Protein backbone atom coordinates (compact mmCIF):
# COMPACT_ATOMS: atom_id res chain seq x y z
CA MET A 1 -12.08 183.27 60.94
CA LYS A 2 -9.61 181.21 58.91
CA LYS A 3 -5.93 180.22 60.17
CA ALA A 4 -2.99 180.49 57.85
CA THR A 5 0.68 179.54 58.23
CA LEU A 6 3.07 181.09 55.46
CA GLN A 7 6.42 179.45 55.23
CA LEU A 8 8.90 182.40 54.19
CA GLU A 9 12.47 182.44 52.58
CA THR A 10 14.57 182.24 55.47
CA LEU A 11 14.63 185.72 57.72
CA THR A 12 17.77 187.06 58.25
CA CYS A 13 17.42 189.42 61.06
CA PRO A 14 15.01 190.56 63.85
CA SER A 15 14.01 193.85 62.20
CA CYS A 16 12.58 191.61 59.15
CA LEU A 17 10.31 190.05 61.80
CA ALA A 18 9.35 193.20 62.92
CA LYS A 19 8.80 194.86 59.43
CA ILE A 20 6.47 191.87 58.62
CA GLU A 21 4.56 191.95 61.90
CA GLY A 22 4.18 195.75 61.62
CA ALA A 23 2.67 195.48 58.10
CA LEU A 24 0.29 192.80 58.61
CA LYS A 25 -0.95 194.28 61.84
CA GLY A 26 -1.96 196.96 59.68
CA LEU A 27 -4.22 195.07 57.43
CA ASP A 28 -7.92 195.20 58.17
CA GLY A 29 -9.28 191.49 58.90
CA ILE A 30 -6.26 190.46 60.60
CA ASP A 31 -6.59 188.92 64.11
CA LYS A 32 -3.65 190.93 65.69
CA ASP A 33 -3.71 188.88 69.09
CA THR A 34 -3.13 185.57 66.83
CA LEU A 35 -0.15 186.93 64.61
CA ASN A 36 2.99 185.23 65.15
CA VAL A 37 6.01 185.80 63.12
CA SER A 38 8.80 183.41 64.02
CA PHE A 39 12.32 184.21 63.30
CA ASN A 40 13.75 180.83 64.02
CA SER A 41 11.29 178.85 61.67
CA SER A 42 10.56 181.42 59.33
CA LYS A 43 6.59 181.36 59.49
CA VAL A 44 3.92 183.46 59.70
CA LYS A 45 0.85 182.35 61.74
CA VAL A 46 -2.42 184.22 61.75
CA ASP A 47 -6.23 184.28 62.10
CA PHE A 48 -7.80 186.45 59.45
CA ASP A 49 -11.39 187.39 58.48
CA ASP A 50 -11.62 186.02 55.12
CA SER A 51 -14.99 188.01 54.43
CA LYS A 52 -12.54 191.12 54.64
CA LEU A 53 -9.33 189.63 53.50
CA ALA A 54 -8.08 187.20 51.32
CA ILE A 55 -5.32 185.11 51.75
CA GLU A 56 -3.58 186.24 48.54
CA ASP A 57 -3.75 189.95 50.12
CA ILE A 58 -1.57 188.63 52.92
CA GLN A 59 0.88 186.90 50.54
CA GLN A 60 1.12 190.10 48.40
CA LYS A 61 1.73 192.46 51.46
CA ILE A 62 4.65 190.19 52.39
CA SER A 63 5.62 189.93 48.87
CA LYS A 64 5.89 193.74 48.53
CA LEU A 65 8.02 193.87 51.58
CA GLY A 66 10.86 192.03 49.54
CA TYR A 67 10.01 188.52 51.15
CA GLU A 68 9.28 185.16 49.26
CA VAL A 69 6.25 183.26 50.80
CA LYS A 70 7.53 179.44 49.62
CA LYS A 71 4.05 177.78 50.78
CA THR A 72 0.92 178.59 52.34
CA THR A 73 -1.51 176.50 54.48
CA VAL A 74 -5.24 177.92 55.22
CA LYS A 75 -7.72 176.05 57.40
């Protein structure tokens, strides 16, 4: 498992948060218990199984929803 923090463009409403959270929960390899989308900081924090999912898949899913990923950190 890897831990990722993705800094997004400013989230403007709670429905943005819910949209991102719902989309990421649908990805195979996401640890749903660690998924945290913060409205105040515009950050997504999540653990993911890198044998099933690449960080680029997570970034692409967020981008397809119309949100810009400004910075990504993976540990």
